PDB file of N, CA and C in Angstrom:
ATOM      1  N   UNK A   1     -46.173  44.546 120.761  1.00  0.00           N
ATOM      2  CA  UNK A   1     -45.558  45.718 120.197  1.00  0.00           C
ATOM      3  C   UNK A   1     -45.236  46.679 121.330  1.00  0.00           C
ATOM      4  N   UNK A   2     -44.119  47.363 121.213  1.00  0.00           N
ATOM      5  CA  UNK A   2     -43.743  48.317 122.236  1.00  0.00           C
ATOM      6  C   UNK A   2     -44.777  49.432 122.290  1.00  0.00           C
ATOM      7  N   UNK A   3     -45.023  49.953 123.503  1.00  0.00           N
ATOM      8  CA  UNK A   3     -46.005  51.027 123.631  1.00  0.00           C
ATOM      9  C   UNK A   3     -45.563  52.269 122.869  1.00  0.00           C
ATOM     10  N   UNK A   4     -44.332  52.687 123.065  1.00  0.00           N
ATOM     11  CA  UNK A   4     -43.807  53.881 122.406  1.00  0.00           C
ATOM     12  C   UNK A   4     -42.473  53.553 121.754  1.00  0.00           C
ATOM     13  N   UNK A   5     -42.504  53.017 120.520  1.00  0.00           N
ATOM     14  CA  UNK A   5     -41.239  52.670 119.871  1.00  0.00           C
ATOM     15  C   UNK A   5     -40.378  53.913 119.648  1.00  0.00           C
ATOM     16  N   UNK A   6     -39.084  53.741 119.819  1.00  0.00           N
ATOM     17  CA  UNK A   6     -38.163  54.848 119.593  1.00  0.00           C
ATOM     18  C   UNK A   6     -38.052  55.123 118.105  1.00  0.00           C
ATOM     19  N   UNK A   7     -37.420  56.232 117.768  1.00  0.00           N
ATOM     20  CA  UNK A   7     -37.253  56.570 116.351  1.00  0.00           C
ATOM     21  C   UNK A   7     -36.375  55.537 115.643  1.00  0.00           C
ATOM     22  N   UNK A   8     -35.417  54.951 116.354  1.00  0.00           N
ATOM     23  CA  UNK A   8     -34.571  53.909 115.758  1.00  0.00           C
ATOM     24  C   UNK A   8     -35.411  52.669 115.466  1.00  0.00           C
ATOM     25  N   UNK A   9     -36.286  52.300 116.387  1.00  0.00           N
ATOM     26  CA  UNK A   9     -37.163  51.149 116.175  1.00  0.00           C
ATOM     27  C   UNK A   9     -38.114  51.401 115.010  1.00  0.00           C
ATOM     28  N   UNK A  10     -38.640  52.610 114.919  1.00  0.00           N
ATOM     29  CA  UNK A  10     -39.532  52.957 113.809  1.00  0.00           C
ATOM     30  C   UNK A  10     -38.788  52.884 112.481  1.00  0.00           C
ATOM     31  N   UNK A  11     -37.568  53.384 112.461  1.00  0.00           N
ATOM     32  CA  UNK A  11     -36.758  53.350 111.246  1.00  0.00           C
ATOM     33  C   UNK A  11     -36.452  51.908 110.846  1.00  0.00           C
ATOM     34  N   UNK A  12     -36.123  51.066 111.814  1.00  0.00           N
ATOM     35  CA  UNK A  12     -35.841  49.655 111.529  1.00  0.00           C
ATOM     36  C   UNK A  12     -37.078  48.960 110.968  1.00  0.00           C
ATOM     37  N   UNK A  13     -38.235  49.255 111.522  1.00  0.00           N
ATOM     38  CA  UNK A  13     -39.482  48.667 111.009  1.00  0.00           C
ATOM     39  C   UNK A  13     -39.750  49.110 109.581  1.00  0.00           C
ATOM     40  N   UNK A  14     -39.569  50.397 109.316  1.00  0.00           N
ATOM     41  CA  UNK A  14     -39.794  50.911 107.959  1.00  0.00           C
ATOM     42  C   UNK A  14     -38.829  50.267 106.972  1.00  0.00           C
ATOM     43  N   UNK A  15     -37.587  50.084 107.387  1.00  0.00           N
ATOM     44  CA  UNK A  15     -36.588  49.456 106.517  1.00  0.00           C
ATOM     45  C   UNK A  15     -36.993  48.019 106.196  1.00  0.00           C
ATOM     46  N   UNK A  16     -37.367  47.256 107.216  1.00  0.00           N
ATOM     47  CA  UNK A  16     -37.786  45.860 106.996  1.00  0.00           C
ATOM     48  C   UNK A  16     -39.042  45.797 106.144  1.00  0.00           C
ATOM     49  N   UNK A  17     -39.989  46.673 106.421  1.00  0.00           N
ATOM     50  CA  UNK A  17     -41.213  46.729 105.623  1.00  0.00           C
ATOM     51  C   UNK A  17     -40.870  47.012 104.162  1.00  0.00           C
ATOM     52  N   UNK A  18     -39.948  47.944 103.927  1.00  0.00           N
ATOM     53  CA  UNK A  18     -39.540  48.286 102.559  1.00  0.00           C
ATOM     54  C   UNK A  18     -38.901  47.098 101.851  1.00  0.00           C
ATOM     55  N   UNK A  19     -38.085  46.329 102.563  1.00  0.00           N
ATOM     56  CA  UNK A  19     -37.472  45.142 101.959  1.00  0.00           C
ATOM     57  C   UNK A  19     -38.527  44.116 101.552  1.00  0.00           C
ATOM     58  N   UNK A  20     -39.496  43.892 102.424  1.00  0.00           N
ATOM     59  CA  UNK A  20     -40.551  42.924 102.115  1.00  0.00           C
ATOM     60  C   UNK A  20     -41.384  43.421 100.940  1.00  0.00           C
ATOM     61  N   UNK A  21     -41.737  44.699 100.933  1.00  0.00           N
ATOM     62  CA  UNK A  21     -42.520  45.256  99.824  1.00  0.00           C
ATOM     63  C   UNK A  21     -41.734  45.185  98.515  1.00  0.00           C
ATOM     64  N   UNK A  22     -40.432  45.424  98.573  1.00  0.00           N
ATOM     65  CA  UNK A  22     -39.598  45.307  97.378  1.00  0.00           C
ATOM     66  C   UNK A  22     -39.677  43.882  96.834  1.00  0.00           C
ATOM     67  N   UNK A  23     -39.581  42.899  97.712  1.00  0.00           N
ATOM     68  CA  UNK A  23     -39.728  41.501  97.306  1.00  0.00           C
ATOM     69  C   UNK A  23     -41.108  41.272  96.683  1.00  0.00           C
ATOM     70  N   UNK A  24     -42.161  41.762  97.344  1.00  0.00           N
ATOM     71  CA  UNK A  24     -43.520  41.534  96.862  1.00  0.00           C
ATOM     72  C   UNK A  24     -43.753  42.146  95.482  1.00  0.00           C
ATOM     73  N   UNK A  25     -43.129  43.283  95.224  1.00  0.00           N
ATOM     74  CA  UNK A  25     -43.364  43.979  93.961  1.00  0.00           C
ATOM     75  C   UNK A  25     -42.434  43.548  92.835  1.00  0.00           C
ATOM     76  N   UNK A  26     -41.287  42.945  93.162  1.00  0.00           N
ATOM     77  CA  UNK A  26     -40.320  42.592  92.117  1.00  0.00           C
ATOM     78  C   UNK A  26     -40.162  41.086  91.936  1.00  0.00           C
ATOM     79  N   UNK A  27     -39.714  40.388  92.944  1.00  0.00           N
ATOM     80  CA  UNK A  27     -39.443  38.955  92.811  1.00  0.00           C
ATOM     81  C   UNK A  27     -40.689  38.079  92.864  1.00  0.00           C
ATOM     82  N   UNK A  28     -41.598  38.380  93.752  1.00  0.00           N
ATOM     83  CA  UNK A  28     -42.777  37.535  93.922  1.00  0.00           C
ATOM     84  C   UNK A  28     -43.584  37.355  92.629  1.00  0.00           C
ATOM     85  N   UNK A  29     -43.818  38.419  91.847  1.00  0.00           N
ATOM     86  CA  UNK A  29     -44.558  38.210  90.592  1.00  0.00           C
ATOM     87  C   UNK A  29     -43.809  37.310  89.605  1.00  0.00           C
ATOM     88  N   UNK A  30     -42.489  37.344  89.635  1.00  0.00           N
ATOM     89  CA  UNK A  30     -41.698  36.505  88.735  1.00  0.00           C
ATOM     90  C   UNK A  30     -41.712  35.042  89.164  1.00  0.00           C
ATOM     91  N   UNK A  31     -41.708  34.806  90.465  1.00  0.00           N
ATOM     92  CA  UNK A  31     -41.665  33.443  90.996  1.00  0.00           C
ATOM     93  C   UNK A  31     -43.038  32.777  91.017  1.00  0.00           C
ATOM     94  N   UNK A  32     -44.073  33.572  91.057  1.00  0.00           N
ATOM     95  CA  UNK A  32     -45.424  33.017  91.120  1.00  0.00           C
ATOM     96  C   UNK A  32     -45.783  32.604  92.537  1.00  0.00           C
ATOM     97  N   UNK A  33     -47.044  32.199  92.730  1.00  0.00           N
ATOM     98  CA  UNK A  33     -47.481  31.819  94.085  1.00  0.00           C
ATOM     99  C   UNK A  33     -46.834  30.512  94.531  1.00  0.00           C
ATOM    100  N   UNK A  34     -46.051  30.575  95.579  1.00  0.00           N
ATOM    101  CA  UNK A  34     -45.349  29.396  96.085  1.00  0.00           C
ATOM    102  C   UNK A  34     -45.616  29.129  97.556  1.00  0.00           C
ATOM    103  N   UNK A  35     -46.069  30.140  98.263  1.00  0.00           N
ATOM    104  CA  UNK A  35     -46.258  29.980  99.703  1.00  0.00           C
ATOM    105  C   UNK A  35     -47.417  29.034  99.980  1.00  0.00           C
ATOM    106  N   UNK A  36     -47.205  28.117 100.907  1.00  0.00           N
ATOM    107  CA  UNK A  36     -48.213  27.119 101.258  1.00  0.00           C
ATOM    108  C   UNK A  36     -49.065  27.555 102.447  1.00  0.00           C
ATOM    109  N   UNK A  37     -48.817  28.745 102.929  1.00  0.00           N
ATOM    110  CA  UNK A  37     -49.501  29.216 104.127  1.00  0.00           C
ATOM    111  C   UNK A  37     -50.381  30.419 103.835  1.00  0.00           C
ATOM    112  N   UNK A  38     -51.294  30.644 104.767  1.00  0.00           N
ATOM    113  CA  UNK A  38     -52.081  31.871 104.757  1.00  0.00           C
ATOM    114  C   UNK A  38     -51.973  32.478 106.144  1.00  0.00           C
ATOM    115  N   UNK A  39     -51.601  33.724 106.274  1.00  0.00           N
ATOM    116  CA  UNK A  39     -51.175  34.652 105.237  1.00  0.00           C
ATOM    117  C   UNK A  39     -49.849  34.213 104.614  1.00  0.00           C
ATOM    118  N   UNK A  40     -49.562  34.748 103.435  1.00  0.00           N
ATOM    119  CA  UNK A  40     -48.306  34.396 102.776  1.00  0.00           C
ATOM    120  C   UNK A  40     -47.132  34.772 103.672  1.00  0.00           C
ATOM    121  N   UNK A  41     -45.987  34.197 103.415  1.00  0.00           N
ATOM    122  CA  UNK A  41     -44.813  34.463 104.255  1.00  0.00           C
ATOM    123  C   UNK A  41     -44.443  35.950 104.259  1.00  0.00           C
ATOM    124  N   UNK A  42     -44.565  36.616 103.113  1.00  0.00           N
ATOM    125  CA  UNK A  42     -44.211  38.037 103.079  1.00  0.00           C
ATOM    126  C   UNK A  42     -45.230  38.871 103.860  1.00  0.00           C
ATOM    127  N   UNK A  43     -46.504  38.551 103.752  1.00  0.00           N
ATOM    128  CA  UNK A  43     -47.505  39.261 104.559  1.00  0.00           C
ATOM    129  C   UNK A  43     -47.342  38.936 106.039  1.00  0.00           C
ATOM    130  N   UNK A  44     -46.981  37.703 106.334  1.00  0.00           N
ATOM    131  CA  UNK A  44     -46.702  37.294 107.712  1.00  0.00           C
ATOM    132  C   UNK A  44     -45.564  38.149 108.278  1.00  0.00           C
ATOM    133  N   UNK A  45     -44.527  38.363 107.481  1.00  0.00           N
ATOM    134  CA  UNK A  45     -43.383  39.163 107.932  1.00  0.00           C
ATOM    135  C   UNK A  45     -43.818  40.569 108.309  1.00  0.00           C
ATOM    136  N   UNK A  46     -44.629  41.187 107.458  1.00  0.00           N
ATOM    137  CA  UNK A  46     -45.095  42.548 107.742  1.00  0.00           C
ATOM    138  C   UNK A  46     -45.928  42.570 109.018  1.00  0.00           C
ATOM    139  N   UNK A  47     -46.849  41.634 109.141  1.00  0.00           N
ATOM    140  CA  UNK A  47     -47.693  41.575 110.341  1.00  0.00           C
ATOM    141  C   UNK A  47     -46.866  41.311 111.600  1.00  0.00           C
ATOM    142  N   UNK A  48     -45.926  40.373 111.513  1.00  0.00           N
ATOM    143  CA  UNK A  48     -45.111  40.015 112.683  1.00  0.00           C
ATOM    144  C   UNK A  48     -44.240  41.182 113.133  1.00  0.00           C
ATOM    145  N   UNK A  49     -43.633  41.876 112.187  1.00  0.00           N
ATOM    146  CA  UNK A  49     -42.770  43.005 112.541  1.00  0.00           C
ATOM    147  C   UNK A  49     -43.598  44.151 113.100  1.00  0.00           C
ATOM    148  N   UNK A  50     -44.771  44.400 112.530  1.00  0.00           N
ATOM    149  CA  UNK A  50     -45.639  45.453 113.071  1.00  0.00           C
ATOM    150  C   UNK A  50     -46.125  45.114 114.471  1.00  0.00           C
ATOM    151  N   UNK A  51     -46.435  43.855 114.705  1.00  0.00           N
ATOM    152  CA  UNK A  51     -47.001  43.450 115.994  1.00  0.00           C
ATOM    153  C   UNK A  51     -45.943  43.277 117.077  1.00  0.00           C
ATOM    154  N   UNK A  52     -44.774  42.720 116.716  1.00  0.00           N
ATOM    155  CA  UNK A  52     -43.784  42.336 117.723  1.00  0.00           C
ATOM    156  C   UNK A  52     -42.473  43.108 117.650  1.00  0.00           C
ATOM    157  N   UNK A  53     -42.294  43.943 116.644  1.00  0.00           N
ATOM    158  CA  UNK A  53     -41.029  44.642 116.483  1.00  0.00           C
ATOM    159  C   UNK A  53     -40.079  43.848 115.601  1.00  0.00           C
ATOM    160  N   UNK A  54     -38.961  44.459 115.260  1.00  0.00           N
ATOM    161  CA  UNK A  54     -38.029  43.865 114.300  1.00  0.00           C
ATOM    162  C   UNK A  54     -37.376  42.595 114.840  1.00  0.00           C
ATOM    163  N   UNK A  55     -36.930  42.612 116.073  1.00  0.00           N
ATOM    164  CA  UNK A  55     -36.198  41.457 116.612  1.00  0.00           C
ATOM    165  C   UNK A  55     -37.092  40.217 116.715  1.00  0.00           C
ATOM    166  N   UNK A  56     -38.187  40.314 117.424  1.00  0.00           N
ATOM    167  CA  UNK A  56     -39.063  39.156 117.607  1.00  0.00           C
ATOM    168  C   UNK A  56     -39.824  38.850 116.321  1.00  0.00           C
ATOM    169  N   UNK A  57     -40.342  39.884 115.662  1.00  0.00           N
ATOM    170  CA  UNK A  57     -41.057  39.675 114.404  1.00  0.00           C
ATOM    171  C   UNK A  57     -40.165  39.081 113.331  1.00  0.00           C
ATOM    172  N   UNK A  58     -38.911  39.517 113.302  1.00  0.00           N
ATOM    173  CA  UNK A  58     -37.955  38.944 112.351  1.00  0.00           C
ATOM    174  C   UNK A  58     -37.685  37.478 112.640  1.00  0.00           C
ATOM    175  N   UNK A  59     -37.558  37.141 113.923  1.00  0.00           N
ATOM    176  CA  UNK A  59     -37.325  35.744 114.307  1.00  0.00           C
ATOM    177  C   UNK A  59     -38.533  34.880 113.946  1.00  0.00           C
ATOM    178  N   UNK A  60     -39.734  35.373 114.212  1.00  0.00           N
ATOM    179  CA  UNK A  60     -40.946  34.636 113.841  1.00  0.00           C
ATOM    180  C   UNK A  60     -41.003  34.420 112.328  1.00  0.00           C
ATOM    181  N   UNK A  61     -40.587  35.429 111.574  1.00  0.00           N
ATOM    182  CA  UNK A  61     -40.582  35.323 110.111  1.00  0.00           C
ATOM    183  C   UNK A  61     -39.585  34.276 109.637  1.00  0.00           C
ATOM    184  N   UNK A  62     -38.395  34.266 110.220  1.00  0.00           N
ATOM    185  CA  UNK A  62     -37.388  33.263 109.841  1.00  0.00           C
ATOM    186  C   UNK A  62     -37.933  31.860 110.103  1.00  0.00           C
ATOM    187  N   UNK A  63     -38.536  31.652 111.285  1.00  0.00           N
ATOM    188  CA  UNK A  63     -39.104  30.335 111.601  1.00  0.00           C
ATOM    189  C   UNK A  63     -40.200  29.959 110.610  1.00  0.00           C
ATOM    190  N   UNK A  64     -40.998  30.921 110.209  1.00  0.00           N
ATOM    191  CA  UNK A  64     -42.086  30.663 109.257  1.00  0.00           C
ATOM    192  C   UNK A  64     -41.544  30.290 107.881  1.00  0.00           C
ATOM    193  N   UNK A  65     -40.559  31.032 107.391  1.00  0.00           N
ATOM    194  CA  UNK A  65     -39.992  30.758 106.064  1.00  0.00           C
ATOM    195  C   UNK A  65     -39.345  29.371 106.042  1.00  0.00           C
ATOM    196  N   UNK A  66     -38.710  28.976 107.135  1.00  0.00           N
ATOM    197  CA  UNK A  66     -38.099  27.640 107.211  1.00  0.00           C
ATOM    198  C   UNK A  66     -39.171  26.553 107.101  1.00  0.00           C
ATOM    199  N   UNK A  67     -40.358  26.808 107.646  1.00  0.00           N
ATOM    200  CA  UNK A  67     -41.450  25.822 107.568  1.00  0.00           C
ATOM    201  C   UNK A  67     -42.072  25.735 106.177  1.00  0.00           C
ATOM    202  N   UNK A  68     -41.855  26.741 105.339  1.00  0.00           N
ATOM    203  CA  UNK A  68     -42.513  26.817 104.027  1.00  0.00           C
ATOM    204  C   UNK A  68     -41.649  26.117 102.978  1.00  0.00           C
ATOM    205  N   UNK A  69     -41.915  24.837 102.776  1.00  0.00           N
ATOM    206  CA  UNK A  69     -41.155  24.041 101.806  1.00  0.00           C
ATOM    207  C   UNK A  69     -42.104  23.048 101.140  1.00  0.00           C
ATOM    208  N   UNK A  70     -41.677  22.395 100.058  1.00  0.00           N
ATOM    209  CA  UNK A  70     -42.580  21.507  99.305  1.00  0.00           C
ATOM    210  C   UNK A  70     -43.172  20.351 100.106  1.00  0.00           C
ATOM    211  N   UNK A  71     -42.542  19.951 101.191  1.00  0.00           N
ATOM    212  CA  UNK A  71     -43.048  18.824 101.971  1.00  0.00           C
ATOM    213  C   UNK A  71     -43.969  19.259 103.109  1.00  0.00           C
ATOM    214  N   UNK A  72     -44.172  20.561 103.241  1.00  0.00           N
ATOM    215  CA  UNK A  72     -45.050  21.093 104.280  1.00  0.00           C
ATOM    216  C   UNK A  72     -46.492  21.095 103.782  1.00  0.00           C
ATOM    217  N   UNK A  73     -47.413  20.785 104.675  1.00  0.00           N
ATOM    218  CA  UNK A  73     -48.826  20.811 104.282  1.00  0.00           C
ATOM    219  C   UNK A  73     -49.371  22.231 104.236  1.00  0.00           C
ATOM    220  N   UNK A  74     -48.679  23.185 104.880  1.00  0.00           N
ATOM    221  CA  UNK A  74     -49.115  24.578 104.854  1.00  0.00           C
ATOM    222  C   UNK A  74     -50.383  24.781 105.653  1.00  0.00           C
ATOM    223  N   UNK A  75     -51.223  25.711 105.200  1.00  0.00           N
ATOM    224  CA  UNK A  75     -52.483  25.995 105.875  1.00  0.00           C
ATOM    225  C   UNK A  75     -52.469  27.341 106.573  1.00  0.00           C
ATOM    226  N   UNK A  76     -53.423  27.527 107.465  1.00  0.00           N
ATOM    227  CA  UNK A  76     -53.559  28.785 108.188  1.00  0.00           C
ATOM    228  C   UNK A  76     -52.559  28.821 109.334  1.00  0.00           C
ATOM    229  N   UNK A  77     -51.721  29.845 109.340  1.00  0.00           N
ATOM    230  CA  UNK A  77     -50.680  29.994 110.361  1.00  0.00           C
ATOM    231  C   UNK A  77     -50.568  31.474 110.712  1.00  0.00           C
ATOM    232  N   UNK A  78     -51.414  31.960 111.618  1.00  0.00           N
ATOM    233  CA  UNK A  78     -51.416  33.394 111.927  1.00  0.00           C
ATOM    234  C   UNK A  78     -50.222  33.812 112.780  1.00  0.00           C
ATOM    235  N   UNK A  79     -49.956  35.093 112.760  1.00  0.00           N
ATOM    236  CA  UNK A  79     -48.929  35.673 113.630  1.00  0.00           C
ATOM    237  C   UNK A  79     -49.446  35.582 115.066  1.00  0.00           C
ATOM    238  N   UNK A  80     -48.616  35.100 116.002  1.00  0.00           N
ATOM    239  CA  UNK A  80     -49.072  35.030 117.398  1.00  0.00           C
ATOM    240  C   UNK A  80     -49.403  36.417 117.945  1.00  0.00           C
ATOM    241  N   UNK A  81     -50.350  36.441 118.847  1.00  0.00           N
ATOM    242  CA  UNK A  81     -50.715  37.709 119.484  1.00  0.00           C
ATOM    243  C   UNK A  81     -49.576  38.175 120.377  1.00  0.00           C
ATOM    244  N   UNK A  82     -49.484  39.478 120.520  1.00  0.00           N
ATOM    245  CA  UNK A  82     -48.474  40.070 121.383  1.00  0.00           C
ATOM    246  C   UNK A  82     -48.823  39.779 122.837  1.00  0.00           C
ATOM    247  N   UNK A  83     -47.810  39.510 123.648  1.00  0.00           N
ATOM    248  CA  UNK A  83     -48.043  39.256 125.073  1.00  0.00           C
ATOM    249  C   UNK A  83     -48.363  40.547 125.809  1.00  0.00           C
ATOM    250  N   UNK A  84     -47.910  41.685 125.262  1.00  0.00           N
ATOM    251  CA  UNK A  84     -48.215  42.980 125.867  1.00  0.00           C
ATOM    252  C   UNK A  84     -49.670  43.318 125.591  1.00  0.00           C
ATOM    253  N   UNK A  85     -50.333  43.858 126.572  1.00  0.00           N
ATOM    254  CA  UNK A  85     -51.728  44.276 126.395  1.00  0.00           C
ATOM    255  C   UNK A  85     -51.738  45.558 125.572  1.00  0.00           C
ATOM    256  N   UNK A  86     -52.378  45.497 124.407  1.00  0.00           N
ATOM    257  CA  UNK A  86     -52.495  46.691 123.570  1.00  0.00           C
ATOM    258  C   UNK A  86     -53.829  47.349 123.855  1.00  0.00           C
ATOM    259  N   UNK A  87     -53.818  48.675 123.924  1.00  0.00           N
ATOM    260  CA  UNK A  87     -55.060  49.410 124.191  1.00  0.00           C
ATOM    261  C   UNK A  87     -55.546  50.063 122.936  1.00  0.00           C
TER     262      UNK A  87
END
């Protein structure tokens, strides 16, 4: 995660977080539990974007969602740690 995200980066994170929360509160209850991973793909998205920012976190989320299909065994798949040293 960037040490001091700019206001544009903060706004982008809030926007992405809002989209994921909208999905979690509206579509996810209708579709039922489908994710084969822990944390769920939507929770993974929030964690990845918070940890890595919108660009990298978004890319990690896309790769994760592509892996989540009926032929996947799923399981524990955590968000990778940030390469930047966080204090």
